[in-house]
N, C-alpha and C. Protein backbone atom coordinates (compact mmCIF):
# COMPACT_ATOMS: atom_id res chain seq x y z
N MET A 1 71.67 104.72 131.36
CA MET A 1 73.10 104.50 131.51
C MET A 1 73.83 105.83 131.39
N GLU A 2 74.88 105.95 132.16
CA GLU A 2 75.70 107.15 132.07
C GLU A 2 77.05 106.79 131.50
N PHE A 3 77.45 107.50 130.46
CA PHE A 3 78.69 107.20 129.75
C PHE A 3 79.74 108.30 129.86
N GLU A 4 79.44 109.38 130.55
CA GLU A 4 80.33 110.54 130.57
C GLU A 4 81.76 110.21 131.01
N ASN A 5 81.92 109.27 131.91
CA ASN A 5 83.24 108.96 132.45
C ASN A 5 84.00 107.91 131.62
N LEU A 6 83.45 107.51 130.49
CA LEU A 6 84.07 106.45 129.70
C LEU A 6 84.79 107.02 128.48
N THR A 7 85.56 108.06 128.67
CA THR A 7 86.21 108.75 127.56
C THR A 7 87.33 107.93 126.93
N SER A 8 87.82 106.90 127.61
CA SER A 8 88.89 106.06 127.06
C SER A 8 88.36 104.76 126.46
N LEU A 9 87.06 104.58 126.46
CA LEU A 9 86.45 103.35 125.97
C LEU A 9 86.77 103.13 124.50
N ARG A 10 87.25 101.93 124.17
CA ARG A 10 87.59 101.61 122.78
C ARG A 10 86.67 100.54 122.19
N TYR A 11 86.05 99.71 123.03
CA TYR A 11 85.15 98.65 122.57
C TYR A 11 83.88 98.73 123.39
N LEU A 12 82.73 98.72 122.71
CA LEU A 12 81.45 98.73 123.40
C LEU A 12 80.59 97.63 122.82
N ARG A 13 80.13 96.75 123.70
CA ARG A 13 79.19 95.69 123.32
C ARG A 13 77.84 96.07 123.90
N ALA A 14 76.92 96.42 123.01
CA ALA A 14 75.60 96.90 123.43
C ALA A 14 74.51 96.04 122.82
N ASP A 15 74.72 94.74 122.76
CA ASP A 15 73.77 93.82 122.13
C ASP A 15 72.38 93.94 122.76
N GLY A 16 71.39 94.18 121.88
CA GLY A 16 70.00 94.24 122.32
C GLY A 16 69.62 95.46 123.12
N ILE A 17 70.51 96.41 123.26
CA ILE A 17 70.28 97.61 124.06
C ILE A 17 69.71 98.72 123.19
N GLU A 18 68.80 99.49 123.74
CA GLU A 18 68.29 100.67 123.04
C GLU A 18 69.01 101.89 123.60
N LEU A 19 69.84 102.49 122.78
CA LEU A 19 70.57 103.69 123.19
C LEU A 19 69.68 104.91 122.93
N VAL A 20 69.54 105.74 123.96
CA VAL A 20 68.68 106.92 123.88
C VAL A 20 69.42 108.10 124.50
N GLY A 21 69.23 109.27 123.93
CA GLY A 21 69.80 110.48 124.52
C GLY A 21 70.82 111.15 123.63
N ASP A 22 71.47 112.15 124.20
CA ASP A 22 72.45 112.94 123.48
C ASP A 22 73.84 112.37 123.74
N PHE A 23 74.55 112.00 122.69
CA PHE A 23 75.87 111.38 122.81
C PHE A 23 76.98 112.34 122.40
N MET A 24 76.69 113.63 122.40
CA MET A 24 77.68 114.64 122.01
C MET A 24 78.94 114.51 122.85
N GLY A 25 80.07 114.30 122.18
CA GLY A 25 81.35 114.22 122.87
C GLY A 25 81.63 112.91 123.59
N LEU A 26 80.69 111.98 123.56
CA LEU A 26 80.91 110.70 124.23
C LEU A 26 81.65 109.73 123.30
N PHE A 27 82.38 108.85 123.86
CA PHE A 27 83.11 107.81 123.14
C PHE A 27 84.09 108.37 122.11
N PRO A 28 84.91 109.34 122.46
CA PRO A 28 85.81 109.91 121.47
C PRO A 28 86.87 108.93 120.96
N LYS A 29 87.15 107.87 121.73
CA LYS A 29 88.17 106.91 121.32
C LYS A 29 87.58 105.56 120.91
N LEU A 30 86.25 105.46 120.85
CA LEU A 30 85.60 104.19 120.51
C LEU A 30 85.99 103.77 119.10
N ARG A 31 86.52 102.54 119.01
CA ARG A 31 86.96 102.03 117.71
C ARG A 31 86.12 100.85 117.25
N TRP A 32 85.44 100.18 118.19
CA TRP A 32 84.68 98.99 117.84
C TRP A 32 83.35 99.04 118.58
N LEU A 33 82.27 99.01 117.83
CA LEU A 33 80.92 98.97 118.40
C LEU A 33 80.24 97.71 117.92
N ARG A 34 79.94 96.83 118.87
CA ARG A 34 79.15 95.63 118.57
C ARG A 34 77.76 95.91 119.13
N TRP A 35 76.80 96.11 118.21
CA TRP A 35 75.44 96.46 118.60
C TRP A 35 74.46 95.52 117.91
N ARG A 36 74.66 94.23 118.17
CA ARG A 36 73.77 93.22 117.60
C ARG A 36 72.39 93.38 118.20
N GLY A 37 71.38 93.14 117.38
CA GLY A 37 70.02 93.30 117.86
C GLY A 37 69.64 94.77 118.01
N CYS A 38 70.33 95.62 117.28
CA CYS A 38 70.06 97.06 117.31
C CYS A 38 68.60 97.30 116.93
N PRO A 39 67.88 98.14 117.68
CA PRO A 39 66.47 98.39 117.38
C PRO A 39 66.30 99.08 116.01
N PRO A 40 65.18 98.84 115.35
CA PRO A 40 64.95 99.44 114.04
C PRO A 40 64.73 100.95 114.08
N HIS A 41 64.43 101.48 115.25
CA HIS A 41 64.24 102.93 115.39
C HIS A 41 65.44 103.51 116.12
N PHE A 42 66.11 104.45 115.48
CA PHE A 42 67.34 105.04 116.01
C PHE A 42 67.00 106.25 116.87
N LYS A 43 67.34 106.19 118.15
CA LYS A 43 66.97 107.27 119.07
C LYS A 43 68.12 108.15 119.55
N PRO A 44 69.39 107.72 119.47
CA PRO A 44 70.46 108.60 119.94
C PRO A 44 70.60 109.84 119.06
N THR A 45 71.02 110.92 119.65
CA THR A 45 71.35 112.12 118.89
C THR A 45 72.85 112.40 119.05
N ASN A 46 73.41 113.10 118.10
CA ASN A 46 74.84 113.42 118.12
C ASN A 46 75.69 112.18 118.33
N PHE A 47 75.33 111.12 117.66
CA PHE A 47 76.02 109.83 117.77
C PHE A 47 77.12 109.78 116.72
N HIS A 48 78.13 110.63 116.92
CA HIS A 48 79.20 110.80 115.95
C HIS A 48 80.44 110.07 116.44
N LEU A 49 80.64 108.89 115.93
CA LEU A 49 81.76 108.04 116.36
C LEU A 49 82.90 108.20 115.36
N MET A 50 83.63 109.28 115.50
CA MET A 50 84.66 109.69 114.54
C MET A 50 85.77 108.66 114.36
N ASN A 51 86.10 107.91 115.39
CA ASN A 51 87.23 106.97 115.33
C ASN A 51 86.80 105.52 115.18
N LEU A 52 85.53 105.30 114.89
CA LEU A 52 85.01 103.94 114.76
C LEU A 52 85.66 103.24 113.58
N VAL A 53 86.16 102.01 113.81
CA VAL A 53 86.80 101.22 112.78
C VAL A 53 85.96 99.98 112.45
N ILE A 54 85.32 99.39 113.47
CA ILE A 54 84.51 98.18 113.29
C ILE A 54 83.11 98.44 113.83
N LEU A 55 82.11 98.16 113.00
CA LEU A 55 80.71 98.30 113.41
C LEU A 55 79.99 97.01 113.08
N ASP A 56 79.45 96.36 114.11
CA ASP A 56 78.71 95.10 113.95
C ASP A 56 77.26 95.34 114.35
N LEU A 57 76.37 95.34 113.35
CA LEU A 57 74.94 95.53 113.58
C LEU A 57 74.17 94.26 113.23
N SER A 58 74.80 93.12 113.36
CA SER A 58 74.18 91.84 113.01
C SER A 58 72.91 91.59 113.81
N ASP A 59 72.06 90.74 113.23
CA ASP A 59 70.82 90.30 113.89
C ASP A 59 69.92 91.47 114.26
N SER A 60 69.92 92.50 113.43
CA SER A 60 69.13 93.69 113.72
C SER A 60 67.96 93.82 112.76
N GLY A 61 66.96 94.54 113.19
CA GLY A 61 65.80 94.82 112.35
C GLY A 61 65.99 96.06 111.49
N ILE A 62 67.23 96.53 111.39
CA ILE A 62 67.47 97.76 110.63
C ILE A 62 67.26 97.52 109.14
N THR A 63 66.85 98.58 108.46
CA THR A 63 66.65 98.54 107.02
C THR A 63 67.51 99.61 106.38
N GLU A 64 67.39 99.73 105.08
CA GLU A 64 68.13 100.75 104.36
C GLU A 64 67.65 102.16 104.72
N ASP A 65 66.47 102.28 105.31
CA ASP A 65 65.92 103.57 105.71
C ASP A 65 66.19 103.91 107.18
N TRP A 66 66.95 103.11 107.87
CA TRP A 66 67.26 103.30 109.28
C TRP A 66 67.90 104.67 109.49
N GLU A 67 67.40 105.42 110.46
CA GLU A 67 67.88 106.78 110.72
C GLU A 67 69.35 106.83 111.14
N GLY A 68 69.87 105.75 111.67
CA GLY A 68 71.24 105.70 112.14
C GLY A 68 72.28 105.85 111.05
N TRP A 69 71.94 105.53 109.79
CA TRP A 69 72.92 105.64 108.72
C TRP A 69 73.46 107.06 108.61
N ASN A 70 72.61 108.06 108.79
CA ASN A 70 73.05 109.45 108.69
C ASN A 70 74.06 109.81 109.76
N GLN A 71 73.90 109.29 110.95
CA GLN A 71 74.82 109.58 112.05
C GLN A 71 76.14 108.82 111.88
N ILE A 72 76.07 107.60 111.38
CA ILE A 72 77.26 106.76 111.27
C ILE A 72 78.14 107.17 110.09
N LYS A 73 77.60 107.90 109.13
CA LYS A 73 78.39 108.37 107.98
C LYS A 73 79.61 109.17 108.44
N ILE A 74 79.55 109.74 109.62
CA ILE A 74 80.64 110.55 110.16
C ILE A 74 81.87 109.69 110.44
N ALA A 75 81.68 108.40 110.61
CA ALA A 75 82.79 107.49 110.94
C ALA A 75 83.67 107.30 109.71
N ASN A 76 84.55 108.25 109.46
CA ASN A 76 85.35 108.22 108.24
C ASN A 76 86.58 107.31 108.33
N LYS A 77 86.70 106.54 109.42
CA LYS A 77 87.78 105.57 109.55
C LYS A 77 87.24 104.14 109.51
N LEU A 78 85.95 103.99 109.25
CA LEU A 78 85.29 102.69 109.28
C LEU A 78 85.90 101.75 108.24
N LYS A 79 86.37 100.59 108.72
CA LYS A 79 86.98 99.60 107.83
C LYS A 79 86.16 98.32 107.74
N VAL A 80 85.40 98.00 108.80
CA VAL A 80 84.63 96.76 108.84
C VAL A 80 83.19 97.08 109.21
N LEU A 81 82.26 96.64 108.35
CA LEU A 81 80.83 96.81 108.59
C LEU A 81 80.16 95.46 108.47
N ILE A 82 79.59 94.98 109.58
CA ILE A 82 78.97 93.66 109.63
C ILE A 82 77.47 93.85 109.78
N LEU A 83 76.73 93.39 108.76
CA LEU A 83 75.27 93.52 108.74
C LEU A 83 74.61 92.17 108.55
N ALA A 84 75.23 91.11 109.05
CA ALA A 84 74.70 89.75 108.89
C ALA A 84 73.33 89.63 109.55
N ASP A 85 72.45 88.90 108.87
CA ASP A 85 71.12 88.60 109.41
C ASP A 85 70.28 89.85 109.68
N CYS A 86 70.45 90.89 108.89
CA CYS A 86 69.66 92.11 109.04
C CYS A 86 68.46 92.08 108.11
N ALA A 87 67.56 93.02 108.27
CA ALA A 87 66.32 93.08 107.51
C ALA A 87 66.43 93.92 106.24
N LEU A 88 67.62 94.18 105.78
CA LEU A 88 67.83 95.02 104.60
C LEU A 88 67.17 94.42 103.36
N ARG A 89 66.48 95.26 102.59
CA ARG A 89 65.96 94.87 101.27
C ARG A 89 66.94 95.29 100.19
N ARG A 90 67.57 96.41 100.41
CA ARG A 90 68.64 96.89 99.53
C ARG A 90 69.68 97.55 100.43
N THR A 91 70.88 97.67 99.94
CA THR A 91 71.93 98.25 100.76
C THR A 91 71.73 99.76 100.86
N PRO A 92 72.12 100.33 101.98
CA PRO A 92 72.09 101.80 102.09
C PRO A 92 73.19 102.39 101.21
N ASP A 93 73.25 103.68 101.13
CA ASP A 93 74.28 104.36 100.35
C ASP A 93 75.60 104.25 101.09
N PHE A 94 76.53 103.49 100.55
CA PHE A 94 77.83 103.28 101.16
C PHE A 94 78.88 104.26 100.65
N SER A 95 78.52 105.21 99.81
CA SER A 95 79.51 106.09 99.19
C SER A 95 80.31 106.91 100.20
N SER A 96 79.78 107.13 101.39
CA SER A 96 80.50 107.89 102.42
C SER A 96 81.57 107.06 103.14
N TYR A 97 81.55 105.77 102.94
CA TYR A 97 82.46 104.87 103.65
C TYR A 97 83.68 104.56 102.79
N ALA A 98 84.46 105.57 102.46
CA ALA A 98 85.59 105.44 101.54
C ALA A 98 86.67 104.49 102.07
N THR A 99 86.79 104.33 103.37
CA THR A 99 87.85 103.49 103.94
C THR A 99 87.40 102.05 104.18
N LEU A 100 86.15 101.73 103.85
CA LEU A 100 85.61 100.39 104.12
C LEU A 100 86.38 99.32 103.37
N GLU A 101 86.84 98.30 104.11
CA GLU A 101 87.60 97.19 103.54
C GLU A 101 86.83 95.88 103.59
N ILE A 102 85.97 95.72 104.59
CA ILE A 102 85.22 94.47 104.76
C ILE A 102 83.75 94.81 104.95
N LEU A 103 82.90 94.22 104.10
CA LEU A 103 81.45 94.41 104.18
C LEU A 103 80.80 93.03 104.21
N ILE A 104 80.11 92.75 105.30
CA ILE A 104 79.47 91.45 105.47
C ILE A 104 77.96 91.64 105.47
N LEU A 105 77.33 91.04 104.47
CA LEU A 105 75.87 91.08 104.30
C LEU A 105 75.30 89.66 104.36
N ARG A 106 76.01 88.77 105.00
CA ARG A 106 75.66 87.35 105.07
C ARG A 106 74.26 87.14 105.67
N ARG A 107 73.52 86.27 105.03
CA ARG A 107 72.19 85.82 105.49
C ARG A 107 71.18 86.96 105.64
N CYS A 108 71.30 88.00 104.83
CA CYS A 108 70.27 89.04 104.79
C CYS A 108 69.21 88.54 103.81
N LYS A 109 68.25 87.79 104.32
CA LYS A 109 67.30 87.05 103.50
C LYS A 109 66.41 87.94 102.63
N ASN A 110 66.18 89.18 103.03
CA ASN A 110 65.32 90.09 102.28
C ASN A 110 66.09 90.89 101.23
N LEU A 111 67.41 90.76 101.20
CA LEU A 111 68.24 91.58 100.33
C LEU A 111 68.04 91.21 98.86
N VAL A 112 67.59 92.17 98.06
CA VAL A 112 67.38 91.94 96.64
C VAL A 112 68.20 92.90 95.78
N GLU A 113 68.78 93.94 96.39
CA GLU A 113 69.54 94.91 95.62
C GLU A 113 70.77 95.36 96.40
N ILE A 114 71.92 95.25 95.75
CA ILE A 114 73.18 95.73 96.33
C ILE A 114 73.60 96.93 95.49
N ASP A 115 73.67 98.09 96.13
CA ASP A 115 73.94 99.33 95.42
C ASP A 115 75.14 100.04 96.03
N SER A 116 75.83 100.82 95.28
CA SER A 116 76.95 101.69 95.66
C SER A 116 78.19 100.94 96.18
N VAL A 117 78.21 99.62 96.07
CA VAL A 117 79.38 98.87 96.51
C VAL A 117 80.55 99.10 95.55
N GLY A 118 80.24 99.35 94.29
CA GLY A 118 81.29 99.62 93.30
C GLY A 118 82.08 100.88 93.59
N ASP A 119 81.53 101.76 94.41
CA ASP A 119 82.22 102.99 94.79
C ASP A 119 83.26 102.77 95.89
N LEU A 120 83.26 101.60 96.49
CA LEU A 120 84.14 101.32 97.62
C LEU A 120 85.50 100.85 97.10
N LYS A 121 86.38 101.77 96.84
CA LYS A 121 87.68 101.49 96.22
C LYS A 121 88.60 100.65 97.11
N ASN A 122 88.43 100.69 98.42
CA ASN A 122 89.30 99.94 99.34
C ASN A 122 88.70 98.60 99.77
N LEU A 123 87.52 98.25 99.24
CA LEU A 123 86.85 97.02 99.65
C LEU A 123 87.67 95.80 99.23
N LYS A 124 87.97 94.94 100.22
CA LYS A 124 88.75 93.73 99.98
C LYS A 124 87.91 92.48 100.16
N VAL A 125 86.88 92.56 101.03
CA VAL A 125 86.03 91.40 101.32
C VAL A 125 84.57 91.83 101.24
N LEU A 126 83.81 91.11 100.41
CA LEU A 126 82.35 91.28 100.33
C LEU A 126 81.74 89.92 100.54
N ASP A 127 81.04 89.74 101.65
CA ASP A 127 80.44 88.43 102.00
C ASP A 127 78.93 88.57 101.87
N ILE A 128 78.37 87.90 100.87
CA ILE A 128 76.91 87.95 100.66
C ILE A 128 76.32 86.54 100.69
N ARG A 129 77.01 85.61 101.37
CA ARG A 129 76.52 84.23 101.46
C ARG A 129 75.14 84.20 102.11
N MET A 130 74.33 83.27 101.66
CA MET A 130 72.98 83.13 102.21
C MET A 130 72.88 81.95 103.18
N LEU A 131 73.81 81.05 103.13
CA LEU A 131 73.76 79.86 103.98
C LEU A 131 74.59 80.06 105.23
N ARG A 132 74.24 79.33 106.27
CA ARG A 132 75.04 79.35 107.50
C ARG A 132 76.40 78.72 107.22
N GLY A 133 77.39 79.27 107.89
CA GLY A 133 78.71 78.66 107.75
C GLY A 133 79.79 79.67 107.50
């Protein structure tokens, strides 16, 4: 896929897609990324989504060791992080997400440890329900 001409893109739905390549300078205005079914191996480079506000990685095989966490830490405007139905055993380090207001960890069946959530001073909603609904 070629994204060079999508400089005004604000919403990207990439469900089940494997993103590969160098994303330097792409998606400068992207505010919402829905990437359900995100692969457990992170292949994009320079995936710095500076203006990202909403990130939905639901139904993904990602874990707390997923390489994408390091790239997404750059999103210093992130307010909503949806990780429903993910393979997390423990939460990744959320300390870089100072603006996070909503964190959804619903139905993460393997989740046994929630860490660094206390550092999220702006957090208003924490959803850790295990049942559907």
